[in-house]
PDB file of all heavy atoms in Angstrom:
ATOM      1  N   SER A   1      39.648  10.955  95.650  1.00  0.00           N
ATOM      2  CA  SER A   1      40.636  11.566  96.537  1.00  0.00           C
ATOM      3  C   SER A   1      40.227  13.013  96.829  1.00  0.00           C
ATOM      4  O   SER A   1      40.051  13.805  95.896  1.00  0.00           O
ATOM      5  CB  SER A   1      42.039  11.562  95.890  1.00  0.00           C
ATOM      6  OG  SER A   1      42.935  12.349  96.665  1.00  0.00           O
ATOM      7  N   PRO A   2      40.094  13.394  98.111  1.00  0.00           N
ATOM      8  CA  PRO A   2      39.687  14.764  98.442  1.00  0.00           C
ATOM      9  C   PRO A   2      40.857  15.751  98.459  1.00  0.00           C
ATOM     10  O   PRO A   2      40.871  16.681  99.256  1.00  0.00           O
ATOM     11  CB  PRO A   2      39.091  14.601  99.845  1.00  0.00           C
ATOM     12  CG  PRO A   2      39.898  13.504 100.452  1.00  0.00           C
ATOM     13  CD  PRO A   2      40.243  12.570  99.313  1.00  0.00           C
ATOM     14  N   ALA A   3      41.852  15.550  97.595  1.00  0.00           N
ATOM     15  CA  ALA A   3      43.046  16.394  97.593  1.00  0.00           C
ATOM     16  C   ALA A   3      43.229  17.016  96.227  1.00  0.00           C
ATOM     17  O   ALA A   3      43.051  16.363  95.197  1.00  0.00           O
ATOM     18  CB  ALA A   3      44.286  15.605  97.992  1.00  0.00           C
ATOM     19  N   LEU A   4      43.607  18.286  96.225  1.00  0.00           N
ATOM     20  CA  LEU A   4      43.923  19.031  95.018  1.00  0.00           C
ATOM     21  C   LEU A   4      45.379  19.452  95.155  1.00  0.00           C
ATOM     22  O   LEU A   4      45.780  20.027  96.167  1.00  0.00           O
ATOM     23  CB  LEU A   4      43.025  20.267  94.927  1.00  0.00           C
ATOM     24  CG  LEU A   4      43.160  21.179  93.714  1.00  0.00           C
ATOM     25  CD1 LEU A   4      42.561  20.514  92.492  1.00  0.00           C
ATOM     26  CD2 LEU A   4      42.456  22.503  93.983  1.00  0.00           C
ATOM     27  N   SER A   5      46.228  19.147  94.175  1.00  0.00           N
ATOM     28  CA  SER A   5      47.653  19.464  94.305  1.00  0.00           C
ATOM     29  C   SER A   5      48.091  20.356  93.154  1.00  0.00           C
ATOM     30  O   SER A   5      47.629  20.238  92.013  1.00  0.00           O
ATOM     31  CB  SER A   5      48.491  18.200  94.338  1.00  0.00           C
ATOM     32  OG  SER A   5      48.428  17.507  93.121  1.00  0.00           O
ATOM     33  N   GLU A   6      48.996  21.275  93.507  1.00  0.00           N
ATOM     34  CA  GLU A   6      49.620  22.152  92.522  1.00  0.00           C
ATOM     35  C   GLU A   6      51.088  22.294  92.932  1.00  0.00           C
ATOM     36  O   GLU A   6      51.390  22.945  93.938  1.00  0.00           O
ATOM     37  CB  GLU A   6      48.942  23.507  92.474  1.00  0.00           C
ATOM     38  CG  GLU A   6      49.534  24.454  91.434  1.00  0.00           C
ATOM     39  CD  GLU A   6      48.782  25.762  91.349  1.00  0.00           C
ATOM     40  OE1 GLU A   6      47.798  25.951  92.110  1.00  0.00           O
ATOM     41  OE2 GLU A   6      49.155  26.590  90.512  1.00  0.00           O
ATOM     42  N   GLY A   7      51.983  21.663  92.188  1.00  0.00           N
ATOM     43  CA  GLY A   7      53.371  21.639  92.619  1.00  0.00           C
ATOM     44  C   GLY A   7      53.496  20.874  93.922  1.00  0.00           C
ATOM     45  O   GLY A   7      53.040  19.740  94.051  1.00  0.00           O
ATOM     46  N   GLU A   8      54.072  21.526  94.939  1.00  0.00           N
ATOM     47  CA  GLU A   8      54.241  20.905  96.248  1.00  0.00           C
ATOM     48  C   GLU A   8      53.129  21.284  97.213  1.00  0.00           C
ATOM     49  O   GLU A   8      53.154  20.896  98.375  1.00  0.00           O
ATOM     50  CB  GLU A   8      55.592  21.304  96.854  1.00  0.00           C
ATOM     51  CG  GLU A   8      56.780  20.801  96.036  1.00  0.00           C
ATOM     52  CD  GLU A   8      58.100  21.205  96.652  1.00  0.00           C
ATOM     53  OE1 GLU A   8      58.074  21.953  97.648  1.00  0.00           O
ATOM     54  OE2 GLU A   8      59.155  20.797  96.147  1.00  0.00           O
ATOM     55  N   GLU A   9      52.141  22.059  96.743  1.00  0.00           N
ATOM     56  CA  GLU A   9      51.059  22.518  97.615  1.00  0.00           C
ATOM     57  C   GLU A   9      49.822  21.620  97.453  1.00  0.00           C
ATOM     58  O   GLU A   9      49.465  21.248  96.345  1.00  0.00           O
ATOM     59  CB  GLU A   9      50.689  23.973  97.309  1.00  0.00           C
ATOM     60  CG  GLU A   9      51.821  24.961  97.569  1.00  0.00           C
ATOM     61  CD  GLU A   9      51.387  26.390  97.343  1.00  0.00           C
ATOM     62  OE1 GLU A   9      50.200  26.601  97.023  1.00  0.00           O
ATOM     63  OE2 GLU A   9      52.238  27.279  97.466  1.00  0.00           O
ATOM     64  N   PHE A  10      49.203  21.307  98.604  1.00  0.00           N
ATOM     65  CA  PHE A  10      48.007  20.463  98.590  1.00  0.00           C
ATOM     66  C   PHE A  10      46.861  21.218  99.257  1.00  0.00           C
ATOM     67  O   PHE A  10      47.044  21.897 100.270  1.00  0.00           O
ATOM     68  CB  PHE A  10      48.275  19.143  99.343  1.00  0.00           C
ATOM     69  CG  PHE A  10      49.184  18.214  98.601  1.00  0.00           C
ATOM     70  CD1 PHE A  10      50.558  18.355  98.663  1.00  0.00           C
ATOM     71  CD2 PHE A  10      48.660  17.197  97.834  1.00  0.00           C
ATOM     72  CE1 PHE A  10      51.403  17.505  97.983  1.00  0.00           C
ATOM     73  CE2 PHE A  10      49.502  16.310  97.151  1.00  0.00           C
ATOM     74  CZ  PHE A  10      50.870  16.471  97.211  1.00  0.00           C
ATOM     75  N   THR A  11      45.670  21.060  98.682  1.00  0.00           N
ATOM     76  CA  THR A  11      44.462  21.665  99.233  1.00  0.00           C
ATOM     77  C   THR A  11      43.435  20.553  99.453  1.00  0.00           C
ATOM     78  O   THR A  11      43.225  19.711  98.551  1.00  0.00           O
ATOM     79  CB  THR A  11      43.869  22.729  98.285  1.00  0.00           C
ATOM     80  OG1 THR A  11      44.848  23.726  98.045  1.00  0.00           O
ATOM     81  CG2 THR A  11      42.621  23.346  98.883  1.00  0.00           C
ATOM     82  N   ARG A  12      42.811  20.545 100.627  1.00  0.00           N
ATOM     83  CA  ARG A  12      41.792  19.529 100.885  1.00  0.00           C
ATOM     84  C   ARG A  12      40.446  20.019 100.388  1.00  0.00           C
ATOM     85  O   ARG A  12      40.023  21.140 100.678  1.00  0.00           O
ATOM     86  CB  ARG A  12      41.731  19.227 102.384  1.00  0.00           C
ATOM     87  CG  ARG A  12      40.784  18.070 102.708  1.00  0.00           C
ATOM     88  CD  ARG A  12      40.908  17.633 104.154  1.00  0.00           C
ATOM     89  NE  ARG A  12      40.042  16.501 104.430  1.00  0.00           N
ATOM     90  CZ  ARG A  12      40.385  15.241 104.195  1.00  0.00           C
ATOM     91  NH1 ARG A  12      41.568  14.970 103.705  1.00  0.00           N
ATOM     92  NH2 ARG A  12      39.567  14.242 104.470  1.00  0.00           N
ATOM     93  N   LEU A  13      39.760  19.176  99.627  1.00  0.00           N
ATOM     94  CA  LEU A  13      38.471  19.514  99.054  1.00  0.00           C
ATOM     95  C   LEU A  13      37.349  19.112  99.998  1.00  0.00           C
ATOM     96  O   LEU A  13      37.518  18.273 100.882  1.00  0.00           O
ATOM     97  CB  LEU A  13      38.296  18.816  97.705  1.00  0.00           C
ATOM     98  CG  LEU A  13      39.316  19.160  96.626  1.00  0.00           C
ATOM     99  CD1 LEU A  13      39.154  18.222  95.413  1.00  0.00           C
ATOM    100  CD2 LEU A  13      39.190  20.616  96.204  1.00  0.00           C
ATOM    101  N   SER A  14      36.180  19.701  99.792  1.00  0.00           N
ATOM    102  CA  SER A  14      35.016  19.385 100.621  1.00  0.00           C
ATOM    103  C   SER A  14      34.565  17.949 100.433  1.00  0.00           C
ATOM    104  O   SER A  14      33.967  17.349 101.333  1.00  0.00           O
ATOM    105  CB  SER A  14      33.868  20.354 100.317  1.00  0.00           C
ATOM    106  OG  SER A  14      33.505  20.263  98.935  1.00  0.00           O
ATOM    107  N   GLN A  15      34.804  17.384  99.255  1.00  0.00           N
ATOM    108  CA  GLN A  15      34.508  15.988  98.988  1.00  0.00           C
ATOM    109  C   GLN A  15      35.290  15.547  97.760  1.00  0.00           C
ATOM    110  O   GLN A  15      35.756  16.383  96.958  1.00  0.00           O
ATOM    111  CB  GLN A  15      33.004  15.765  98.768  1.00  0.00           C
ATOM    112  CG  GLN A  15      32.445  16.492  97.560  1.00  0.00           C
ATOM    113  CD  GLN A  15      30.982  16.130  97.312  1.00  0.00           C
ATOM    114  OE1 GLN A  15      30.614  14.935  97.358  1.00  0.00           O
ATOM    115  NE2 GLN A  15      30.145  17.135  97.090  1.00  0.00           N
ATOM    116  N   PRO A  16      35.499  14.247  97.578  1.00  0.00           N
ATOM    117  CA  PRO A  16      36.282  13.780  96.441  1.00  0.00           C
ATOM    118  C   PRO A  16      35.535  13.955  95.122  1.00  0.00           C
ATOM    119  O   PRO A  16      34.297  13.815  95.066  1.00  0.00           O
ATOM    120  CB  PRO A  16      36.507  12.299  96.738  1.00  0.00           C
ATOM    121  CG  PRO A  16      36.140  12.105  98.177  1.00  0.00           C
ATOM    122  CD  PRO A  16      35.120  13.153  98.483  1.00  0.00           C
ATOM    123  N   PRO A  17      36.239  14.265  94.017  1.00  0.00           N
ATOM    124  CA  PRO A  17      35.624  14.182  92.697  1.00  0.00           C
ATOM    125  C   PRO A  17      35.190  12.748  92.404  1.00  0.00           C
ATOM    126  O   PRO A  17      35.637  11.804  93.063  1.00  0.00           O
ATOM    127  CB  PRO A  17      36.752  14.638  91.751  1.00  0.00           C
ATOM    128  CG  PRO A  17      37.691  15.416  92.629  1.00  0.00           C
ATOM    129  CD  PRO A  17      37.623  14.746  93.981  1.00  0.00           C
ATOM    130  N   ALA A  18      34.346  12.586  91.381  1.00  0.00           N
ATOM    131  CA  ALA A  18      33.847  11.243  91.055  1.00  0.00           C
ATOM    132  C   ALA A  18      33.773  11.068  89.545  1.00  0.00           C
ATOM    133  O   ALA A  18      33.445  12.006  88.810  1.00  0.00           O
ATOM    134  CB  ALA A  18      32.448  11.045  91.680  1.00  0.00           C
ATOM    135  N   ASP A  19      34.104   9.855  89.100  1.00  0.00           N
ATOM    136  CA  ASP A  19      33.912   9.502  87.690  1.00  0.00           C
ATOM    137  C   ASP A  19      32.431   9.179  87.467  1.00  0.00           C
ATOM    138  O   ASP A  19      31.842   8.386  88.224  1.00  0.00           O
ATOM    139  CB  ASP A  19      34.773   8.290  87.329  1.00  0.00           C
ATOM    140  CG  ASP A  19      36.183   8.680  86.936  1.00  0.00           C
ATOM    141  OD1 ASP A  19      36.350   9.721  86.273  1.00  0.00           O
ATOM    142  OD2 ASP A  19      37.132   7.955  87.299  1.00  0.00           O
ATOM    143  N   THR A  20      31.825   9.780  86.448  1.00  0.00           N
ATOM    144  CA  THR A  20      30.418   9.538  86.131  1.00  0.00           C
ATOM    145  C   THR A  20      30.300   9.215  84.641  1.00  0.00           C
ATOM    146  O   THR A  20      31.284   9.275  83.885  1.00  0.00           O
ATOM    147  CB  THR A  20      29.547  10.780  86.446  1.00  0.00           C
ATOM    148  OG1 THR A  20      29.806  11.801  85.478  1.00  0.00           O
ATOM    149  CG2 THR A  20      29.857  11.310  87.838  1.00  0.00           C
ATOM    150  N   VAL A  21      29.079   8.879  84.209  1.00  0.00           N
ATOM    151  CA  VAL A  21      28.843   8.600  82.797  1.00  0.00           C
ATOM    152  C   VAL A  21      29.093   9.838  81.943  1.00  0.00           C
ATOM    153  O   VAL A  21      29.286   9.755  80.733  1.00  0.00           O
ATOM    154  CB  VAL A  21      27.416   8.087  82.580  1.00  0.00           C
ATOM    155  CG1 VAL A  21      27.233   6.721  83.228  1.00  0.00           C
ATOM    156  CG2 VAL A  21      26.376   9.076  83.108  1.00  0.00           C
ATOM    157  N   LEU A  22      29.071  11.042  82.578  1.00  0.00           N
ATOM    158  CA  LEU A  22      29.301  12.284  81.850  1.00  0.00           C
ATOM    159  C   LEU A  22      30.728  12.807  82.025  1.00  0.00           C
ATOM    160  O   LEU A  22      31.021  13.943  81.642  1.00  0.00           O
ATOM    161  CB  LEU A  22      28.310  13.356  82.340  1.00  0.00           C
ATOM    162  CG  LEU A  22      26.828  13.026  82.143  1.00  0.00           C
ATOM    163  CD1 LEU A  22      25.953  14.113  82.751  1.00  0.00           C
ATOM    164  CD2 LEU A  22      26.503  12.850  80.667  1.00  0.00           C
ATOM    165  N   GLY A  23      31.605  11.972  82.580  1.00  0.00           N
ATOM    166  CA  GLY A  23      32.978  12.395  82.784  1.00  0.00           C
ATOM    167  C   GLY A  23      33.227  12.722  84.242  1.00  0.00           C
ATOM    168  O   GLY A  23      32.402  12.458  85.133  1.00  0.00           O
ATOM    169  N   ILE A  24      34.361  13.342  84.523  1.00  0.00           N
ATOM    170  CA  ILE A  24      34.728  13.661  85.891  1.00  0.00           C
ATOM    171  C   ILE A  24      33.843  14.775  86.427  1.00  0.00           C
ATOM    172  O   ILE A  24      33.595  15.793  85.758  1.00  0.00           O
ATOM    173  CB  ILE A  24      36.225  14.057  85.972  1.00  0.00           C
ATOM    174  CG1 ILE A  24      36.672  14.186  87.435  1.00  0.00           C
ATOM    175  CG2 ILE A  24      36.519  15.326  85.191  1.00  0.00           C
ATOM    176  CD1 ILE A  24      36.774  12.886  88.167  1.00  0.00           C
ATOM    177  N   ALA A  25      33.299  14.590  87.627  1.00  0.00           N
ATOM    178  CA  ALA A  25      32.462  15.584  88.288  1.00  0.00           C
ATOM    179  C   ALA A  25      33.149  16.029  89.570  1.00  0.00           C
ATOM    180  O   ALA A  25      33.703  15.201  90.298  1.00  0.00           O
ATOM    181  CB  ALA A  25      31.088  15.017  88.594  1.00  0.00           C
ATOM    182  N   VAL A  26      33.130  17.329  89.854  1.00  0.00           N
ATOM    183  CA  VAL A  26      33.951  17.893  90.930  1.00  0.00           C
ATOM    184  C   VAL A  26      33.098  18.763  91.852  1.00  0.00           C
ATOM    185  O   VAL A  26      32.057  19.299  91.448  1.00  0.00           O
ATOM    186  CB  VAL A  26      35.108  18.720  90.351  1.00  0.00           C
ATOM    187  CG1 VAL A  26      36.007  17.853  89.475  1.00  0.00           C
ATOM    188  CG2 VAL A  26      34.603  19.927  89.565  1.00  0.00           C
ATOM    189  N   PRO A  27      33.561  18.967  93.115  1.00  0.00           N
ATOM    190  CA  PRO A  27      32.814  19.822  94.042  1.00  0.00           C
ATOM    191  C   PRO A  27      33.005  21.294  93.703  1.00  0.00           C
ATOM    192  O   PRO A  27      33.901  21.699  92.960  1.00  0.00           O
ATOM    193  CB  PRO A  27      33.425  19.466  95.398  1.00  0.00           C
ATOM    194  CG  PRO A  27      34.799  19.015  95.090  1.00  0.00           C
ATOM    195  CD  PRO A  27      34.722  18.332  93.769  1.00  0.00           C
ATOM    196  N   LEU A  28      32.164  22.120  94.319  1.00  0.00           N
ATOM    197  CA  LEU A  28      32.166  23.556  94.052  1.00  0.00           C
ATOM    198  C   LEU A  28      33.489  24.209  94.398  1.00  0.00           C
ATOM    199  O   LEU A  28      33.986  25.066  93.659  1.00  0.00           O
ATOM    200  CB  LEU A  28      31.021  24.224  94.834  1.00  0.00           C
ATOM    201  CG  LEU A  28      30.874  25.734  94.647  1.00  0.00           C
ATOM    202  CD1 LEU A  28      30.491  26.065  93.213  1.00  0.00           C
ATOM    203  CD2 LEU A  28      29.829  26.281  95.631  1.00  0.00           C
ATOM    204  N   ASP A  29      34.111  23.806  95.518  1.00  0.00           N
ATOM    205  CA  ASP A  29      35.352  24.482  95.920  1.00  0.00           C
ATOM    206  C   ASP A  29      36.479  24.230  94.945  1.00  0.00           C
ATOM    207  O   ASP A  29      37.373  25.078  94.783  1.00  0.00           O
ATOM    208  CB  ASP A  29      35.754  24.114  97.348  1.00  0.00           C
ATOM    209  CG  ASP A  29      35.758  22.625  97.621  1.00  0.00           C
ATOM    210  OD1 ASP A  29      35.131  21.887  96.862  1.00  0.00           O
ATOM    211  OD2 ASP A  29      36.377  22.201  98.608  1.00  0.00           O
ATOM    212  N   LEU A  30      36.473  23.072  94.251  1.00  0.00           N
ATOM    213  CA  LEU A  30      37.491  22.865  93.224  1.00  0.00           C
ATOM    214  C   LEU A  30      37.290  23.847  92.062  1.00  0.00           C
ATOM    215  O   LEU A  30      38.257  24.417  91.555  1.00  0.00           O
ATOM    216  CB  LEU A  30      37.455  21.426  92.723  1.00  0.00           C
ATOM    217  CG  LEU A  30      38.562  21.034  91.724  1.00  0.00           C
ATOM    218  CD1 LEU A  30      38.978  19.570  91.916  1.00  0.00           C
ATOM    219  CD2 LEU A  30      38.154  21.264  90.277  1.00  0.00           C
ATOM    220  N   LEU A  31      36.047  24.056  91.645  1.00  0.00           N
ATOM    221  CA  LEU A  31      35.780  25.019  90.585  1.00  0.00           C
ATOM    222  C   LEU A  31      36.224  26.425  91.000  1.00  0.00           C
ATOM    223  O   LEU A  31      36.844  27.155  90.217  1.00  0.00           O
ATOM    224  CB  LEU A  31      34.291  25.037  90.256  1.00  0.00           C
ATOM    225  CG  LEU A  31      33.670  23.748  89.696  1.00  0.00           C
ATOM    226  CD1 LEU A  31      32.181  23.943  89.490  1.00  0.00           C
ATOM    227  CD2 LEU A  31      34.360  23.359  88.383  1.00  0.00           C
ATOM    228  N   GLN A  32      35.918  26.799  92.228  1.00  0.00           N
ATOM    229  CA  GLN A  32      36.255  28.136  92.683  1.00  0.00           C
ATOM    230  C   GLN A  32      37.763  28.350  92.770  1.00  0.00           C
ATOM    231  O   GLN A  32      38.261  29.423  92.460  1.00  0.00           O
ATOM    232  CB  GLN A  32      35.587  28.409  94.037  1.00  0.00           C
ATOM    233  CG  GLN A  32      34.071  28.479  93.940  1.00  0.00           C
ATOM    234  CD  GLN A  32      33.403  28.492  95.313  1.00  0.00           C
ATOM    235  OE1 GLN A  32      33.945  27.945  96.271  1.00  0.00           O
ATOM    236  NE2 GLN A  32      32.227  29.103  95.389  1.00  0.00           N
ATOM    237  N   ASP A  33      38.493  27.308  93.176  1.00  0.00           N
ATOM    238  CA  ASP A  33      39.948  27.436  93.335  1.00  0.00           C
ATOM    239  C   ASP A  33      40.681  27.391  92.010  1.00  0.00           C
ATOM    240  O   ASP A  33      41.776  27.956  91.894  1.00  0.00           O
ATOM    241  CB  ASP A  33      40.477  26.330  94.240  1.00  0.00           C
ATOM    242  CG  ASP A  33      41.942  26.526  94.574  1.00  0.00           C
ATOM    243  OD1 ASP A  33      42.253  27.449  95.347  1.00  0.00           O
ATOM    244  OD2 ASP A  33      42.771  25.766  94.050  1.00  0.00           O
ATOM    245  N   THR A  34      40.096  26.755  91.003  1.00  0.00           N
ATOM    246  CA  THR A  34      40.782  26.601  89.727  1.00  0.00           C
ATOM    247  C   THR A  34      40.238  27.590  88.676  1.00  0.00           C
ATOM    248  O   THR A  34      40.843  28.629  88.438  1.00  0.00           O
ATOM    249  CB  THR A  34      40.676  25.161  89.220  1.00  0.00           C
ATOM    250  OG1 THR A  34      39.288  24.786  89.140  1.00  0.00           O
ATOM    251  CG2 THR A  34      41.368  24.209  90.162  1.00  0.00           C
ATOM    252  N   LEU A  35      39.114  27.276  88.092  1.00  0.00           N
ATOM    253  CA  LEU A  35      38.561  28.144  87.060  1.00  0.00           C
ATOM    254  C   LEU A  35      38.242  29.534  87.602  1.00  0.00           C
ATOM    255  O   LEU A  35      38.472  30.535  86.932  1.00  0.00           O
ATOM    256  CB  LEU A  35      37.289  27.517  86.494  1.00  0.00           C
ATOM    257  CG  LEU A  35      37.461  26.129  85.841  1.00  0.00           C
ATOM    258  CD1 LEU A  35      36.106  25.577  85.439  1.00  0.00           C
ATOM    259  CD2 LEU A  35      38.385  26.200  84.646  1.00  0.00           C
ATOM    260  N   GLY A  36      37.745  29.579  88.818  1.00  0.00           N
ATOM    261  CA  GLY A  36      37.400  30.883  89.372  1.00  0.00           C
ATOM    262  C   GLY A  36      38.623  31.741  89.634  1.00  0.00           C
ATOM    263  O   GLY A  36      38.727  32.858  89.145  1.00  0.00           O
ATOM    264  N   ARG A  37      39.587  31.219  90.375  1.00  0.00           N
ATOM    265  CA  ARG A  37      40.740  32.005  90.772  1.00  0.00           C
ATOM    266  C   ARG A  37      41.639  32.315  89.580  1.00  0.00           C
ATOM    267  O   ARG A  37      42.156  33.417  89.433  1.00  0.00           O
ATOM    268  CB  ARG A  37      41.527  31.237  91.820  1.00  0.00           C
ATOM    269  CG  ARG A  37      42.674  32.027  92.429  1.00  0.00           C
ATOM    270  CD  ARG A  37      43.342  31.213  93.527  1.00  0.00           C
ATOM    271  NE  ARG A  37      44.767  31.074  93.247  1.00  0.00           N
ATOM    272  CZ  ARG A  37      45.544  30.169  93.791  1.00  0.00           C
ATOM    273  NH1 ARG A  37      45.016  29.283  94.603  1.00  0.00           N
ATOM    274  NH2 ARG A  37      46.815  30.111  93.529  1.00  0.00           N
ATOM    275  N   SER A  38      41.843  31.337  88.681  1.00  0.00           N
ATOM    276  CA  SER A  38      42.784  31.531  87.589  1.00  0.00           C
ATOM    277  C   SER A  38      42.220  32.358  86.441  1.00  0.00           C
ATOM    278  O   SER A  38      42.911  33.189  85.861  1.00  0.00           O
ATOM    279  CB  SER A  38      43.236  30.165  87.045  1.00  0.00           C
ATOM    280  OG  SER A  38      43.984  29.474  88.001  1.00  0.00           O
ATOM    281  N   LEU A  39      40.957  32.130  86.108  1.00  0.00           N
ATOM    282  CA  LEU A  39      40.379  32.777  84.935  1.00  0.00           C
ATOM    283  C   LEU A  39      39.546  34.004  85.276  1.00  0.00           C
ATOM    284  O   LEU A  39      39.020  34.662  84.379  1.00  0.00           O
ATOM    285  CB  LEU A  39      39.525  31.767  84.159  1.00  0.00           C
ATOM    286  CG  LEU A  39      40.279  30.496  83.704  1.00  0.00           C
ATOM    287  CD1 LEU A  39      39.354  29.576  82.940  1.00  0.00           C
ATOM    288  CD2 LEU A  39      41.489  30.847  82.879  1.00  0.00           C
ATOM    289  N   GLY A  40      39.425  34.323  86.567  1.00  0.00           N
ATOM    290  CA  GLY A  40      38.754  35.557  86.945  1.00  0.00           C
ATOM    291  C   GLY A  40      37.242  35.471  86.968  1.00  0.00           C
ATOM    292  O   GLY A  40      36.564  36.447  86.615  1.00  0.00           O
ATOM    293  N   TYR A  41      36.700  34.321  87.384  1.00  0.00           N
ATOM    294  CA  TYR A  41      35.253  34.147  87.468  1.00  0.00           C
ATOM    295  C   TYR A  41      34.803  34.006  88.908  1.00  0.00           C
ATOM    296  O   TYR A  41      35.500  33.417  89.745  1.00  0.00           O
ATOM    297  CB  TYR A  41      34.794  32.899  86.690  1.00  0.00           C
ATOM    298  CG  TYR A  41      34.883  33.046  85.189  1.00  0.00           C
ATOM    299  CD1 TYR A  41      35.960  32.506  84.498  1.00  0.00           C
ATOM    300  CD2 TYR A  41      33.891  33.704  84.469  1.00  0.00           C
ATOM    301  CE1 TYR A  41      36.045  32.620  83.124  1.00  0.00           C
ATOM    302  CE2 TYR A  41      33.974  33.823  83.086  1.00  0.00           C
ATOM    303  CZ  TYR A  41      35.061  33.287  82.424  1.00  0.00           C
ATOM    304  OH  TYR A  41      35.142  33.399  81.056  1.00  0.00           O
ATOM    305  N   GLU A  42      33.617  34.514  89.179  1.00  0.00           N
ATOM    306  CA  GLU A  42      32.955  34.303  90.458  1.00  0.00           C
ATOM    307  C   GLU A  42      31.960  33.168  90.283  1.00  0.00           C
ATOM    308  O   GLU A  42      31.037  33.272  89.468  1.00  0.00           O
ATOM    309  CB  GLU A  42      32.257  35.574  90.916  1.00  0.00           C
ATOM    310  CG  GLU A  42      31.665  35.478  92.308  1.00  0.00           C
ATOM    311  CD  GLU A  42      31.137  36.809  92.797  1.00  0.00           C
ATOM    312  OE1 GLU A  42      31.071  37.749  91.999  1.00  0.00           O
ATOM    313  OE2 GLU A  42      30.782  36.879  93.989  1.00  0.00           O
ATOM    314  N   ILE A  43      32.154  32.076  91.008  1.00  0.00           N
ATOM    315  CA  ILE A  43      31.350  30.868  90.811  1.00  0.00           C
ATOM    316  C   ILE A  43      30.517  30.632  92.062  1.00  0.00           C
ATOM    317  O   ILE A  43      31.055  30.523  93.173  1.00  0.00           O
ATOM    318  CB  ILE A  43      32.258  29.654  90.508  1.00  0.00           C
ATOM    319  CG1 ILE A  43      33.095  29.934  89.255  1.00  0.00           C
ATOM    320  CG2 ILE A  43      31.422  28.401  90.342  1.00  0.00           C
ATOM    321  CD1 ILE A  43      34.039  28.804  88.887  1.00  0.00           C
ATOM    322  N   GLU A  44      29.197  30.543  91.864  1.00  0.00           N
ATOM    323  CA  GLU A  44      28.262  30.417  93.001  1.00  0.00           C
ATOM    324  C   GLU A  44      27.216  29.356  92.664  1.00  0.00           C
ATOM    325  O   GLU A  44      26.714  29.274  91.540  1.00  0.00           O
ATOM    326  CB  GLU A  44      27.584  31.771  93.242  1.00  0.00           C
ATOM    327  CG  GLU A  44      26.531  31.743  94.326  1.00  0.00           C
ATOM    328  CD  GLU A  44      25.759  33.046  94.397  1.00  0.00           C
ATOM    329  OE1 GLU A  44      25.869  33.872  93.455  1.00  0.00           O
ATOM    330  OE2 GLU A  44      25.017  33.227  95.391  1.00  0.00           O
ATOM    331  N   TRP A  45      26.906  28.524  93.654  1.00  0.00           N
ATOM    332  CA  TRP A  45      25.839  27.530  93.511  1.00  0.00           C
ATOM    333  C   TRP A  45      24.624  27.996  94.282  1.00  0.00           C
ATOM    334  O   TRP A  45      24.671  28.143  95.500  1.00  0.00           O
ATOM    335  CB  TRP A  45      26.294  26.173  94.016  1.00  0.00           C
ATOM    336  CG  TRP A  45      25.209  25.137  94.135  1.00  0.00           C
ATOM    337  CD1 TRP A  45      24.776  24.534  95.272  1.00  0.00           C
ATOM    338  CD2 TRP A  45      24.426  24.587  93.075  1.00  0.00           C
ATOM    339  NE1 TRP A  45      23.769  23.647  94.997  1.00  0.00           N
ATOM    340  CE2 TRP A  45      23.533  23.645  93.634  1.00  0.00           C
ATOM    341  CE3 TRP A  45      24.367  24.813  91.692  1.00  0.00           C
ATOM    342  CZ2 TRP A  45      22.613  22.933  92.880  1.00  0.00           C
ATOM    343  CZ3 TRP A  45      23.455  24.079  90.929  1.00  0.00           C
ATOM    344  CH2 TRP A  45      22.579  23.155  91.521  1.00  0.00           C
TER     345      TRP A  45
END
């Protein structure tokens, strides 16, 4: 699903996350919106 939700707010992701043998894998914009914005990190690929 290319959607990220927080409460009643929805954000469209660049591509859907995927289940892999190493666990859930996510696109860069999800990292930037969550770990980056909340924990104060600048995340760059």
